[in-house]
Amino acid sequence: MIGGSVLLAVVLPPMFGVPDRIGIVVFGLLVAALLHLLGRLRVSADERGVTVVNPLRVHHYEWPELLDVTMVEGDPWPKLDLANGLSLGAMGIQSTERERSRRAVSELSALIRERGEAPDRV
């Protein structure tokens, strides 16, 4: 993206001035930054807890802090229910990846039940 915008700024016809060329490069940088933020989304679990990387923040929760994970039909991503009463969207699991997202949510739910202090479901 950055290379393409720089190349475009260099090969523009002479009728486009320096401000136009700089604007094209800045636009390319902004798009590349946005794509980077969206591309780094993830949810990972280890023996200590769950790490949720959303576009602007990284959250780490120990297993006892997690109560449940839910993804209602129509939601873009699942929500983690936290012991402090809040919930957090886990954008690293996208509902558009239907089977993969269902599997990820069920695996994360099983880990929360196994390692956390979440109440057992009946």
PDB file of N, CA and C in Angstrom:
ATOM      1  N   MET A   1       0.829  -1.179   0.000  1.00  0.00           N
ATOM      2  CA  MET A   1       0.000   0.000   0.000  1.00  0.00           C
ATOM      3  C   MET A   1       0.878   1.248   0.000  1.00  0.00           C
ATOM      4  N   ILE A   2       1.876   1.240   0.844  1.00  0.00           N
ATOM      5  CA  ILE A   2       2.758   2.403   0.928  1.00  0.00           C
ATOM      6  C   ILE A   2       3.571   2.525  -0.357  1.00  0.00           C
ATOM      7  N   GLY A   3       4.111   1.406  -0.811  1.00  0.00           N
ATOM      8  CA  GLY A   3       4.888   1.424  -2.050  1.00  0.00           C
ATOM      9  C   GLY A   3       4.060   1.875  -3.231  1.00  0.00           C
ATOM     10  N   GLY A   4       2.818   1.410  -3.294  1.00  0.00           N
ATOM     11  CA  GLY A   4       1.935   1.808  -4.390  1.00  0.00           C
ATOM     12  C   GLY A   4       1.619   3.289  -4.368  1.00  0.00           C
ATOM     13  N   SER A   5       1.392   3.832  -3.178  1.00  0.00           N
ATOM     14  CA  SER A   5       1.084   5.261  -3.112  1.00  0.00           C
ATOM     15  C   SER A   5       2.307   6.112  -3.450  1.00  0.00           C
ATOM     16  N   VAL A   6       3.493   5.665  -3.045  1.00  0.00           N
ATOM     17  CA  VAL A   6       4.713   6.397  -3.404  1.00  0.00           C
ATOM     18  C   VAL A   6       4.936   6.321  -4.914  1.00  0.00           C
ATOM     19  N   LEU A   7       4.770   5.142  -5.488  1.00  0.00           N
ATOM     20  CA  LEU A   7       4.923   4.980  -6.932  1.00  0.00           C
ATOM     21  C   LEU A   7       3.925   5.853  -7.689  1.00  0.00           C
ATOM     22  N   LEU A   8       2.686   5.867  -7.219  1.00  0.00           N
ATOM     23  CA  LEU A   8       1.670   6.699  -7.861  1.00  0.00           C
ATOM     24  C   LEU A   8       2.044   8.175  -7.768  1.00  0.00           C
ATOM     25  N   ALA A   9       2.545   8.607  -6.614  1.00  0.00           N
ATOM     26  CA  ALA A   9       2.943  10.007  -6.455  1.00  0.00           C
ATOM     27  C   ALA A   9       4.092  10.377  -7.383  1.00  0.00           C
ATOM     28  N   VAL A  10       4.976   9.423  -7.664  1.00  0.00           N
ATOM     29  CA  VAL A  10       6.128   9.698  -8.541  1.00  0.00           C
ATOM     30  C   VAL A  10       5.698   9.763 -10.005  1.00  0.00           C
ATOM     31  N   VAL A  11       4.798   8.892 -10.433  1.00  0.00           N
ATOM     32  CA  VAL A  11       4.446   8.824 -11.859  1.00  0.00           C
ATOM     33  C   VAL A  11       3.261   9.696 -12.241  1.00  0.00           C
ATOM     34  N   LEU A  12       2.733  10.482 -11.302  1.00  0.00           N
ATOM     35  CA  LEU A  12       1.631  11.385 -11.657  1.00  0.00           C
ATOM     36  C   LEU A  12       2.072  12.379 -12.722  1.00  0.00           C
ATOM     37  N   PRO A  13       1.156  12.786 -13.583  1.00  0.00           N
ATOM     38  CA  PRO A  13       1.499  13.798 -14.590  1.00  0.00           C
ATOM     39  C   PRO A  13       1.933  15.111 -13.933  1.00  0.00           C
ATOM     40  N   PRO A  14       2.693  15.912 -14.656  1.00  0.00           N
ATOM     41  CA  PRO A  14       3.228  17.172 -14.095  1.00  0.00           C
ATOM     42  C   PRO A  14       2.149  18.155 -13.633  1.00  0.00           C
ATOM     43  N   MET A  15       0.921  18.003 -14.104  1.00  0.00           N
ATOM     44  CA  MET A  15      -0.134  18.934 -13.685  1.00  0.00           C
ATOM     45  C   MET A  15      -0.458  18.806 -12.194  1.00  0.00           C
ATOM     46  N   PHE A  16      -0.075  17.688 -11.567  1.00  0.00           N
ATOM     47  CA  PHE A  16      -0.277  17.513 -10.132  1.00  0.00           C
ATOM     48  C   PHE A  16       0.958  18.024  -9.411  1.00  0.00           C
ATOM     49  N   GLY A  17       0.743  18.895  -8.448  1.00  0.00           N
ATOM     50  CA  GLY A  17       1.864  19.513  -7.732  1.00  0.00           C
ATOM     51  C   GLY A  17       2.349  18.672  -6.564  1.00  0.00           C
ATOM     52  N   VAL A  18       3.308  19.241  -5.864  1.00  0.00           N
ATOM     53  CA  VAL A  18       3.901  18.571  -4.699  1.00  0.00           C
ATOM     54  C   VAL A  18       2.850  18.309  -3.614  1.00  0.00           C
ATOM     55  N   PRO A  19       1.942  19.256  -3.313  1.00  0.00           N
ATOM     56  CA  PRO A  19       0.933  18.961  -2.287  1.00  0.00           C
ATOM     57  C   PRO A  19       0.055  17.752  -2.656  1.00  0.00           C
ATOM     58  N   ASP A  20      -0.265  17.605  -3.941  1.00  0.00           N
ATOM     59  CA  ASP A  20      -1.063  16.454  -4.386  1.00  0.00           C
ATOM     60  C   ASP A  20      -0.300  15.160  -4.166  1.00  0.00           C
ATOM     61  N   ARG A  21       0.953  15.179  -4.504  1.00  0.00           N
ATOM     62  CA  ARG A  21       1.789  13.978  -4.359  1.00  0.00           C
ATOM     63  C   ARG A  21       1.953  13.605  -2.879  1.00  0.00           C
ATOM     64  N   ILE A  22       2.166  14.613  -2.048  1.00  0.00           N
ATOM     65  CA  ILE A  22       2.281  14.352  -0.609  1.00  0.00           C
ATOM     66  C   ILE A  22       0.966  13.818  -0.063  1.00  0.00           C
ATOM     67  N   GLY A  23      -0.132  14.366  -0.540  1.00  0.00           N
ATOM     68  CA  GLY A  23      -1.450  13.892  -0.106  1.00  0.00           C
ATOM     69  C   GLY A  23      -1.685  12.434  -0.450  1.00  0.00           C
ATOM     70  N   ILE A  24      -1.247  12.027  -1.629  1.00  0.00           N
ATOM     71  CA  ILE A  24      -1.402  10.623  -2.027  1.00  0.00           C
ATOM     72  C   ILE A  24      -0.577   9.708  -1.122  1.00  0.00           C
ATOM     73  N   VAL A  25       0.633  10.104  -0.808  1.00  0.00           N
ATOM     74  CA  VAL A  25       1.488   9.290   0.068  1.00  0.00           C
ATOM     75  C   VAL A  25       0.908   9.235   1.478  1.00  0.00           C
ATOM     76  N   VAL A  26       0.427  10.370   1.995  1.00  0.00           N
ATOM     77  CA  VAL A  26      -0.179  10.393   3.330  1.00  0.00           C
ATOM     78  C   VAL A  26      -1.424   9.509   3.366  1.00  0.00           C
ATOM     79  N   PHE A  27      -2.239   9.567   2.325  1.00  0.00           N
ATOM     80  CA  PHE A  27      -3.421   8.710   2.245  1.00  0.00           C
ATOM     81  C   PHE A  27      -3.008   7.235   2.256  1.00  0.00           C
ATOM     82  N   GLY A  28      -1.986   6.888   1.504  1.00  0.00           N
ATOM     83  CA  GLY A  28      -1.490   5.513   1.494  1.00  0.00           C
ATOM     84  C   GLY A  28      -1.007   5.075   2.866  1.00  0.00           C
ATOM     85  N   LEU A  29      -0.326   5.971   3.574  1.00  0.00           N
ATOM     86  CA  LEU A  29       0.131   5.663   4.930  1.00  0.00           C
ATOM     87  C   LEU A  29      -1.048   5.445   5.880  1.00  0.00           C
ATOM     88  N   LEU A  30      -2.079   6.269   5.758  1.00  0.00           N
ATOM     89  CA  LEU A  30      -3.260   6.115   6.610  1.00  0.00           C
ATOM     90  C   LEU A  30      -3.983   4.800   6.344  1.00  0.00           C
ATOM     91  N   VAL A  31      -4.132   4.452   5.089  1.00  0.00           N
ATOM     92  CA  VAL A  31      -4.777   3.179   4.750  1.00  0.00           C
ATOM     93  C   VAL A  31      -3.936   2.009   5.250  1.00  0.00           C
ATOM     94  N   ALA A  32      -2.622   2.080   5.091  1.00  0.00           N
ATOM     95  CA  ALA A  32      -1.742   1.014   5.575  1.00  0.00           C
ATOM     96  C   ALA A  32      -1.829   0.883   7.094  1.00  0.00           C
ATOM     97  N   ALA A  33      -1.905   2.006   7.815  1.00  0.00           N
ATOM     98  CA  ALA A  33      -2.026   1.964   9.276  1.00  0.00           C
ATOM     99  C   ALA A  33      -3.349   1.328   9.689  1.00  0.00           C
ATOM    100  N   LEU A  34      -4.425   1.670   9.001  1.00  0.00           N
ATOM    101  CA  LEU A  34      -5.730   1.079   9.295  1.00  0.00           C
ATOM    102  C   LEU A  34      -5.720  -0.427   9.034  1.00  0.00           C
ATOM    103  N   LEU A  35      -5.141  -0.838   7.927  1.00  0.00           N
ATOM    104  CA  LEU A  35      -5.061  -2.266   7.613  1.00  0.00           C
ATOM    105  C   LEU A  35      -4.200  -3.007   8.644  1.00  0.00           C
ATOM    106  N   HIS A  36      -3.150  -2.368   9.123  1.00  0.00           N
ATOM    107  CA  HIS A  36      -2.323  -2.982  10.169  1.00  0.00           C
ATOM    108  C   HIS A  36      -3.135  -3.188  11.450  1.00  0.00           C
ATOM    109  N   LEU A  37      -3.898  -2.166  11.848  1.00  0.00           N
ATOM    110  CA  LEU A  37      -4.714  -2.279  13.055  1.00  0.00           C
ATOM    111  C   LEU A  37      -5.740  -3.404  12.938  1.00  0.00           C
ATOM    112  N   LEU A  38      -6.327  -3.543  11.773  1.00  0.00           N
ATOM    113  CA  LEU A  38      -7.321  -4.603  11.573  1.00  0.00           C
ATOM    114  C   LEU A  38      -6.668  -5.969  11.414  1.00  0.00           C
ATOM    115  N   GLY A  39      -5.463  -5.997  10.884  1.00  0.00           N
ATOM    116  CA  GLY A  39      -4.778  -7.268  10.660  1.00  0.00           C
ATOM    117  C   GLY A  39      -4.175  -7.870  11.914  1.00  0.00           C
ATOM    118  N   ARG A  40      -4.022  -7.089  12.965  1.00  0.00           N
ATOM    119  CA  ARG A  40      -3.403  -7.617  14.179  1.00  0.00           C
ATOM    120  C   ARG A  40      -4.408  -8.188  15.171  1.00  0.00           C
ATOM    121  N   LEU A  41      -5.688  -8.157  14.856  1.00  0.00           N
ATOM    122  CA  LEU A  41      -6.719  -8.682  15.747  1.00  0.00           C
ATOM    123  C   LEU A  41      -6.484 -10.157  16.026  1.00  0.00           C
ATOM    124  N   ARG A  42      -6.567 -10.541  17.303  1.00  0.00           N
ATOM    125  CA  ARG A  42      -6.426 -11.952  17.642  1.00  0.00           C
ATOM    126  C   ARG A  42      -6.920 -12.193  19.061  1.00  0.00           C
ATOM    127  N   VAL A  43      -7.213 -13.438  19.340  1.00  0.00           N
ATOM    128  CA  VAL A  43      -7.545 -13.905  20.680  1.00  0.00           C
ATOM    129  C   VAL A  43      -6.691 -15.135  20.909  1.00  0.00           C
ATOM    130  N   SER A  44      -5.883 -15.116  21.961  1.00  0.00           N
ATOM    131  CA  SER A  44      -5.031 -16.271  22.235  1.00  0.00           C
ATOM    132  C   SER A  44      -5.127 -16.631  23.710  1.00  0.00           C
ATOM    133  N   ALA A  45      -5.056 -17.919  23.961  1.00  0.00           N
ATOM    134  CA  ALA A  45      -5.134 -18.424  25.327  1.00  0.00           C
ATOM    135  C   ALA A  45      -3.868 -19.207  25.638  1.00  0.00           C
ATOM    136  N   ASP A  46      -3.417 -19.090  26.878  1.00  0.00           N
ATOM    137  CA  ASP A  46      -2.296 -19.897  27.354  1.00  0.00           C
ATOM    138  C   ASP A  46      -2.617 -20.341  28.779  1.00  0.00           C
ATOM    139  N   GLU A  47      -1.648 -20.909  29.447  1.00  0.00           N
ATOM    140  CA  GLU A  47      -1.904 -21.446  30.786  1.00  0.00           C
ATOM    141  C   GLU A  47      -2.211 -20.351  31.806  1.00  0.00           C
ATOM    142  N   ARG A  48      -1.824 -19.116  31.534  1.00  0.00           N
ATOM    143  CA  ARG A  48      -2.068 -18.022  32.474  1.00  0.00           C
ATOM    144  C   ARG A  48      -3.385 -17.303  32.249  1.00  0.00           C
ATOM    145  N   GLY A  49      -3.888 -17.292  31.016  1.00  0.00           N
ATOM    146  CA  GLY A  49      -5.127 -16.580  30.745  1.00  0.00           C
ATOM    147  C   GLY A  49      -5.342 -16.344  29.270  1.00  0.00           C
ATOM    148  N   VAL A  50      -6.114 -15.319  28.975  1.00  0.00           N
ATOM    149  CA  VAL A  50      -6.493 -14.996  27.596  1.00  0.00           C
ATOM    150  C   VAL A  50      -5.990 -13.603  27.264  1.00  0.00           C
ATOM    151  N   THR A  51      -5.416 -13.471  26.071  1.00  0.00           N
ATOM    152  CA  THR A  51      -4.987 -12.181  25.557  1.00  0.00           C
ATOM    153  C   THR A  51      -5.864 -11.829  24.371  1.00  0.00           C
ATOM    154  N   VAL A  52      -6.475 -10.651  24.443  1.00  0.00           N
ATOM    155  CA  VAL A  52      -7.347 -10.163  23.371  1.00  0.00           C
ATOM    156  C   VAL A  52      -6.680  -8.929  22.775  1.00  0.00           C
ATOM    157  N   VAL A  53      -6.338  -9.012  21.499  1.00  0.00           N
ATOM    158  CA  VAL A  53      -5.734  -7.873  20.793  1.00  0.00           C
ATOM    159  C   VAL A  53      -6.813  -7.281  19.890  1.00  0.00           C
ATOM    160  N   ASN A  54      -7.295  -6.101  20.276  1.00  0.00           N
ATOM    161  CA  ASN A  54      -8.256  -5.363  19.478  1.00  0.00           C
ATOM    162  C   ASN A  54      -7.500  -4.249  18.752  1.00  0.00           C
ATOM    163  N   PRO A  55      -8.144  -3.475  17.896  1.00  0.00           N
ATOM    164  CA  PRO A  55      -7.385  -2.516  17.089  1.00  0.00           C
ATOM    165  C   PRO A  55      -6.476  -1.572  17.873  1.00  0.00           C
ATOM    166  N   LEU A  56      -6.952  -1.027  18.970  1.00  0.00           N
ATOM    167  CA  LEU A  56      -6.154  -0.025  19.662  1.00  0.00           C
ATOM    168  C   LEU A  56      -5.598  -0.469  21.006  1.00  0.00           C
ATOM    169  N   ARG A  57      -6.083  -1.582  21.555  1.00  0.00           N
ATOM    170  CA  ARG A  57      -5.637  -2.000  22.884  1.00  0.00           C
ATOM    171  C   ARG A  57      -5.396  -3.492  22.939  1.00  0.00           C
ATOM    172  N   VAL A  58      -4.504  -3.869  23.845  1.00  0.00           N
ATOM    173  CA  VAL A  58      -4.249  -5.275  24.134  1.00  0.00           C
ATOM    174  C   VAL A  58      -4.715  -5.518  25.568  1.00  0.00           C
ATOM    175  N   HIS A  59      -5.583  -6.503  25.748  1.00  0.00           N
ATOM    176  CA  HIS A  59      -6.114  -6.844  27.058  1.00  0.00           C
ATOM    177  C   HIS A  59      -5.625  -8.233  27.426  1.00  0.00           C
ATOM    178  N   HIS A  60      -5.179  -8.393  28.667  1.00  0.00           N
ATOM    179  CA  HIS A  60      -4.831  -9.725  29.155  1.00  0.00           C
ATOM    180  C   HIS A  60      -5.642  -9.983  30.420  1.00  0.00           C
ATOM    181  N   TYR A  61      -6.304 -11.131  30.449  1.00  0.00           N
ATOM    182  CA  TYR A  61      -7.115 -11.513  31.597  1.00  0.00           C
ATOM    183  C   TYR A  61      -6.670 -12.871  32.105  1.00  0.00           C
ATOM    184  N   GLU A  62      -6.529 -12.964  33.411  1.00  0.00           N
ATOM    185  CA  GLU A  62      -6.243 -14.245  34.052  1.00  0.00           C
ATOM    186  C   GLU A  62      -7.522 -15.082  34.004  1.00  0.00           C
ATOM    187  N   TRP A  63      -7.388 -16.383  34.083  1.00  0.00           N
ATOM    188  CA  TRP A  63      -8.551 -17.271  33.975  1.00  0.00           C
ATOM    189  C   TRP A  63      -9.649 -16.942  34.982  1.00  0.00           C
ATOM    190  N   PRO A  64      -9.336 -16.645  36.265  1.00  0.00           N
ATOM    191  CA  PRO A  64     -10.423 -16.340  37.205  1.00  0.00           C
ATOM    192  C   PRO A  64     -11.220 -15.072  36.862  1.00  0.00           C
ATOM    193  N   GLU A  65     -10.655 -14.201  36.044  1.00  0.00           N
ATOM    194  CA  GLU A  65     -11.361 -12.971  35.662  1.00  0.00           C
ATOM    195  C   GLU A  65     -12.419 -13.208  34.594  1.00  0.00           C
ATOM    196  N   LEU A  66     -12.397 -14.360  33.947  1.00  0.00           N
ATOM    197  CA  LEU A  66     -13.311 -14.647  32.844  1.00  0.00           C
ATOM    198  C   LEU A  66     -14.464 -15.517  33.323  1.00  0.00           C
ATOM    199  N   LEU A  67     -15.677 -15.096  33.007  1.00  0.00           N
ATOM    200  CA  LEU A  67     -16.850 -15.874  33.384  1.00  0.00           C
ATOM    201  C   LEU A  67     -17.414 -16.677  32.227  1.00  0.00           C
ATOM    202  N   ASP A  68     -17.457 -16.076  31.049  1.00  0.00           N
ATOM    203  CA  ASP A  68     -18.088 -16.762  29.921  1.00  0.00           C
ATOM    204  C   ASP A  68     -17.706 -16.055  28.625  1.00  0.00           C
ATOM    205  N   VAL A  69     -17.945 -16.745  27.541  1.00  0.00           N
ATOM    206  CA  VAL A  69     -17.812 -16.155  26.211  1.00  0.00           C
ATOM    207  C   VAL A  69     -19.092 -16.488  25.460  1.00  0.00           C
ATOM    208  N   THR A  70     -19.697 -15.478  24.843  1.00  0.00           N
ATOM    209  CA  THR A  70     -20.941 -15.682  24.115  1.00  0.00           C
ATOM    210  C   THR A  70     -20.870 -15.001  22.759  1.00  0.00           C
ATOM    211  N   MET A  71     -21.506 -15.642  21.783  1.00  0.00           N
ATOM    212  CA  MET A  71     -21.633 -15.035  20.461  1.00  0.00           C
ATOM    213  C   MET A  71     -23.051 -15.300  19.980  1.00  0.00           C
ATOM    214  N   VAL A  72     -23.870 -14.279  20.094  1.00  0.00           N
ATOM    215  CA  VAL A  72     -25.263 -14.360  19.680  1.00  0.00           C
ATOM    216  C   VAL A  72     -25.327 -14.246  18.159  1.00  0.00           C
ATOM    217  N   GLU A  73     -26.252 -14.972  17.554  1.00  0.00           N
ATOM    218  CA  GLU A  73     -26.437 -14.903  16.098  1.00  0.00           C
ATOM    219  C   GLU A  73     -26.643 -13.457  15.685  1.00  0.00           C
ATOM    220  N   GLY A  74     -25.846 -13.003  14.733  1.00  0.00           N
ATOM    221  CA  GLY A  74     -25.933 -11.637  14.251  1.00  0.00           C
ATOM    222  C   GLY A  74     -24.862 -10.716  14.815  1.00  0.00           C
ATOM    223  N   ASP A  75     -24.229 -11.121  15.921  1.00  0.00           N
ATOM    224  CA  ASP A  75     -23.131 -10.319  16.464  1.00  0.00           C
ATOM    225  C   ASP A  75     -21.903 -10.473  15.572  1.00  0.00           C
ATOM    226  N   PRO A  76     -21.130  -9.408  15.387  1.00  0.00           N
ATOM    227  CA  PRO A  76     -19.942  -9.508  14.534  1.00  0.00           C
ATOM    228  C   PRO A  76     -18.807 -10.302  15.171  1.00  0.00           C
ATOM    229  N   TRP A  77     -18.748 -10.330  16.501  1.00  0.00           N
ATOM    230  CA  TRP A  77     -17.705 -11.074  17.216  1.00  0.00           C
ATOM    231  C   TRP A  77     -18.234 -11.433  18.602  1.00  0.00           C
ATOM    232  N   PRO A  78     -17.601 -12.380  19.270  1.00  0.00           N
ATOM    233  CA  PRO A  78     -18.076 -12.789  20.594  1.00  0.00           C
ATOM    234  C   PRO A  78     -17.735 -11.765  21.673  1.00  0.00           C
ATOM    235  N   LYS A  79     -18.412 -11.914  22.800  1.00  0.00           N
ATOM    236  CA  LYS A  79     -18.149 -11.053  23.949  1.00  0.00           C
ATOM    237  C   LYS A  79     -17.643 -11.907  25.093  1.00  0.00           C
ATOM    238  N   LEU A  80     -16.630 -11.407  25.757  1.00  0.00           N
ATOM    239  CA  LEU A  80     -16.132 -12.047  26.966  1.00  0.00           C
ATOM    240  C   LEU A  80     -16.798 -11.374  28.154  1.00  0.00           C
ATOM    241  N   ASP A  81     -17.453 -12.169  28.999  1.00  0.00           N
ATOM    242  CA  ASP A  81     -18.043 -11.643  30.220  1.00  0.00           C
ATOM    243  C   ASP A  81     -16.999 -11.739  31.322  1.00  0.00           C
ATOM    244  N   LEU A  82     -16.751 -10.609  31.972  1.00  0.00           N
ATOM    245  CA  LEU A  82     -15.690 -10.522  32.960  1.00  0.00           C
ATOM    246  C   LEU A  82     -16.258 -10.511  34.373  1.00  0.00           C
ATOM    247  N   ALA A  83     -15.454 -10.913  35.318  1.00  0.00           N
ATOM    248  CA  ALA A  83     -15.879 -11.005  36.721  1.00  0.00           C
ATOM    249  C   ALA A  83     -16.216  -9.632  37.306  1.00  0.00           C
ATOM    250  N   ASN A  84     -15.670  -8.566  36.753  1.00  0.00           N
ATOM    251  CA  ASN A  84     -15.950  -7.227  37.276  1.00  0.00           C
ATOM    252  C   ASN A  84     -17.261  -6.645  36.746  1.00  0.00           C
ATOM    253  N   GLY A  85     -18.035  -7.448  36.019  1.00  0.00           N
ATOM    254  CA  GLY A  85     -19.334  -7.008  35.515  1.00  0.00           C
ATOM    255  C   GLY A  85     -19.299  -6.410  34.124  1.00  0.00           C
ATOM    256  N   LEU A  86     -18.140  -6.227  33.570  1.00  0.00           N
ATOM    257  CA  LEU A  86     -18.017  -5.667  32.225  1.00  0.00           C
ATOM    258  C   LEU A  86     -17.958  -6.785  31.195  1.00  0.00           C
ATOM    259  N   SER A  87     -18.081  -6.408  29.950  1.00  0.00           N
ATOM    260  CA  SER A  87     -17.875  -7.361  28.857  1.00  0.00           C
ATOM    261  C   SER A  87     -16.964  -6.708  27.834  1.00  0.00           C
ATOM    262  N   LEU A  88     -16.282  -7.557  27.082  1.00  0.00           N
ATOM    263  CA  LEU A  88     -15.298  -7.077  26.112  1.00  0.00           C
ATOM    264  C   LEU A  88     -15.502  -7.813  24.803  1.00  0.00           C
ATOM    265  N   GLY A  89     -15.570  -7.084  23.706  1.00  0.00           N
ATOM    266  CA  GLY A  89     -15.660  -7.701  22.395  1.00  0.00           C
ATOM    267  C   GLY A  89     -14.327  -8.296  21.992  1.00  0.00           C
ATOM    268  N   ALA A  90     -14.349  -9.538  21.584  1.00  0.00           N
ATOM    269  CA  ALA A  90     -13.135 -10.220  21.138  1.00  0.00           C
ATOM    270  C   ALA A  90     -13.120 -10.193  19.614  1.00  0.00           C
ATOM    271  N   MET A  91     -12.619  -9.115  19.048  1.00  0.00           N
ATOM    272  CA  MET A  91     -12.700  -8.891  17.611  1.00  0.00           C
ATOM    273  C   MET A  91     -11.844  -9.849  16.794  1.00  0.00           C
ATOM    274  N   GLY A  92     -10.967 -10.584  17.444  1.00  0.00           N
ATOM    275  CA  GLY A  92     -10.116 -11.540  16.740  1.00  0.00           C
ATOM    276  C   GLY A  92     -10.868 -12.771  16.254  1.00  0.00           C
ATOM    277  N   ILE A  93     -12.081 -12.958  16.730  1.00  0.00           N
ATOM    278  CA  ILE A  93     -12.934 -14.061  16.265  1.00  0.00           C
ATOM    279  C   ILE A  93     -14.102 -13.418  15.523  1.00  0.00           C
ATOM    280  N   GLN A  94     -14.124 -13.557  14.225  1.00  0.00           N
ATOM    281  CA  GLN A  94     -15.144 -12.920  13.394  1.00  0.00           C
ATOM    282  C   GLN A  94     -16.274 -13.897  13.075  1.00  0.00           C
ATOM    283  N   SER A  95     -17.506 -13.466  13.273  1.00  0.00           N
ATOM    284  CA  SER A  95     -18.648 -14.359  13.030  1.00  0.00           C
ATOM    285  C   SER A  95     -18.830 -14.666  11.545  1.00  0.00           C
ATOM    286  N   THR A  96     -18.206 -13.893  10.674  1.00  0.00           N
ATOM    287  CA  THR A  96     -18.330 -14.169   9.248  1.00  0.00           C
ATOM    288  C   THR A  96     -17.616 -15.463   8.859  1.00  0.00           C
ATOM    289  N   GLU A  97     -16.692 -15.911   9.701  1.00  0.00           N
ATOM    290  CA  GLU A  97     -16.019 -17.199   9.489  1.00  0.00           C
ATOM    291  C   GLU A  97     -16.811 -18.255  10.261  1.00  0.00           C
ATOM    292  N   ARG A  98     -17.992 -18.533   9.820  1.00  0.00           N
ATOM    293  CA  ARG A  98     -19.012 -19.265  10.556  1.00  0.00           C
ATOM    294  C   ARG A  98     -18.518 -20.462  11.366  1.00  0.00           C
ATOM    295  N   GLU A  99     -18.075 -21.511  10.718  1.00  0.00           N
ATOM    296  CA  GLU A  99     -17.680 -22.729  11.434  1.00  0.00           C
ATOM    297  C   GLU A  99     -16.436 -22.494  12.287  1.00  0.00           C
ATOM    298  N   ARG A 100     -15.505 -21.771  11.759  1.00  0.00           N
ATOM    299  CA  ARG A 100     -14.272 -21.495  12.508  1.00  0.00           C
ATOM    300  C   ARG A 100     -14.569 -20.678  13.768  1.00  0.00           C
ATOM    301  N   SER A 101     -15.454 -19.687  13.655  1.00  0.00           N
ATOM    302  CA  SER A 101     -15.782 -18.873  14.825  1.00  0.00           C
ATOM    303  C   SER A 101     -16.554 -19.679  15.863  1.00  0.00           C
ATOM    304  N   ARG A 102     -17.459 -20.541  15.420  1.00  0.00           N
ATOM    305  CA  ARG A 102     -18.190 -21.396  16.376  1.00  0.00           C
ATOM    306  C   ARG A 102     -17.227 -22.303  17.125  1.00  0.00           C
ATOM    307  N   ARG A 103     -16.287 -22.879  16.393  1.00  0.00           N
ATOM    308  CA  ARG A 103     -15.307 -23.773  17.016  1.00  0.00           C
ATOM    309  C   ARG A 103     -14.433 -23.000  18.007  1.00  0.00           C
ATOM    310  N   ALA A 104     -13.987 -21.802  17.627  1.00  0.00           N
ATOM    311  CA  ALA A 104     -13.140 -20.991  18.507  1.00  0.00           C
ATOM    312  C   ALA A 104     -13.884 -20.597  19.783  1.00  0.00           C
ATOM    313  N   VAL A 105     -15.155 -20.235  19.651  1.00  0.00           N
ATOM    314  CA  VAL A 105     -15.942 -19.854  20.818  1.00  0.00           C
ATOM    315  C   VAL A 105     -16.162 -21.055  21.734  1.00  0.00           C
ATOM    316  N   SER A 106     -16.462 -22.204  21.162  1.00  0.00           N
ATOM    317  CA  SER A 106     -16.679 -23.381  22.010  1.00  0.00           C
ATOM    318  C   SER A 106     -15.381 -23.820  22.689  1.00  0.00           C
ATOM    319  N   GLU A 107     -14.247 -23.732  21.993  1.00  0.00           N
ATOM    320  CA  GLU A 107     -12.968 -24.071  22.620  1.00  0.00           C
ATOM    321  C   GLU A 107     -12.626 -23.098  23.740  1.00  0.00           C
ATOM    322  N   LEU A 108     -12.851 -21.812  23.508  1.00  0.00           N
ATOM    323  CA  LEU A 108     -12.569 -20.816  24.540  1.00  0.00           C
ATOM    324  C   LEU A 108     -13.506 -20.999  25.729  1.00  0.00           C
ATOM    325  N   SER A 109     -14.754 -21.301  25.465  1.00  0.00           N
ATOM    326  CA  SER A 109     -15.711 -21.553  26.541  1.00  0.00           C
ATOM    327  C   SER A 109     -15.293 -22.754  27.378  1.00  0.00           C
ATOM    328  N   ALA A 110     -14.833 -23.819  26.726  1.00  0.00           N
ATOM    329  CA  ALA A 110     -14.376 -25.010  27.452  1.00  0.00           C
ATOM    330  C   ALA A 110     -13.155 -24.673  28.316  1.00  0.00           C
ATOM    331  N   LEU A 111     -12.255 -23.861  27.806  1.00  0.00           N
ATOM    332  CA  LEU A 111     -11.084 -23.457  28.588  1.00  0.00           C
ATOM    333  C   LEU A 111     -11.484 -22.615  29.794  1.00  0.00           C
ATOM    334  N   ILE A 112     -12.455 -21.729  29.611  1.00  0.00           N
ATOM    335  CA  ILE A 112     -12.923 -20.909  30.730  1.00  0.00           C
ATOM    336  C   ILE A 112     -13.537 -21.797  31.805  1.00  0.00           C
ATOM    337  N   ARG A 113     -14.316 -22.799  31.397  1.00  0.00           N
ATOM    338  CA  ARG A 113     -14.932 -23.729  32.364  1.00  0.00           C
ATOM    339  C   ARG A 113     -13.871 -24.559  33.081  1.00  0.00           C
ATOM    340  N   GLU A 114     -12.867 -24.970  32.329  1.00  0.00           N
ATOM    341  CA  GLU A 114     -11.827 -25.835  32.882  1.00  0.00           C
ATOM    342  C   GLU A 114     -10.866 -25.095  33.814  1.00  0.00           C
ATOM    343  N   ARG A 115     -10.443 -23.909  33.400  1.00  0.00           N
ATOM    344  CA  ARG A 115      -9.380 -23.215  34.120  1.00  0.00           C
ATOM    345  C   ARG A 115      -9.842 -22.040  34.962  1.00  0.00           C
ATOM    346  N   GLY A 116     -11.017 -21.537  34.676  1.00  0.00           N
ATOM    347  CA  GLY A 116     -11.491 -20.354  35.394  1.00  0.00           C
ATOM    348  C   GLY A 116     -12.359 -20.715  36.580  1.00  0.00           C
ATOM    349  N   GLU A 117     -12.971 -19.717  37.112  1.00  0.00           N
ATOM    350  CA  GLU A 117     -13.888 -19.915  38.225  1.00  0.00           C
ATOM    351  C   GLU A 117     -15.321 -19.704  37.776  1.00  0.00           C
ATOM    352  N   ALA A 118     -15.573 -19.981  36.506  1.00  0.00           N
ATOM    353  CA  ALA A 118     -16.909 -19.787  35.961  1.00  0.00           C
ATOM    354  C   ALA A 118     -17.848 -20.859  36.506  1.00  0.00           C
ATOM    355  N   PRO A 119     -19.102 -20.502  36.753  1.00  0.00           N
ATOM    356  CA  PRO A 119     -20.047 -21.507  37.217  1.00  0.00           C
ATOM    357  C   PRO A 119     -20.363 -22.511  36.112  1.00  0.00           C
ATOM    358  N   ASP A 120     -20.622 -23.732  36.502  1.00  0.00           N
ATOM    359  CA  ASP A 120     -20.963 -24.769  35.515  1.00  0.00           C
ATOM    360  C   ASP A 120     -22.361 -24.509  34.971  1.00  0.00           C
ATOM    361  N   ARG A 121     -22.516 -24.737  33.683  1.00  0.00           N
ATOM    362  CA  ARG A 121     -23.838 -24.615  33.068  1.00  0.00           C
ATOM    363  C   ARG A 121     -24.607 -25.906  33.251  1.00  0.00           C
ATOM    364  N   VAL A 122     -25.896 -25.768  33.377  1.00  0.00           N
ATOM    365  CA  VAL A 122     -26.749 -26.952  33.535  1.00  0.00           C
ATOM    366  C   VAL A 122     -27.223 -27.412  32.203  1.00  0.00           C
TER     367      VAL A 122
END
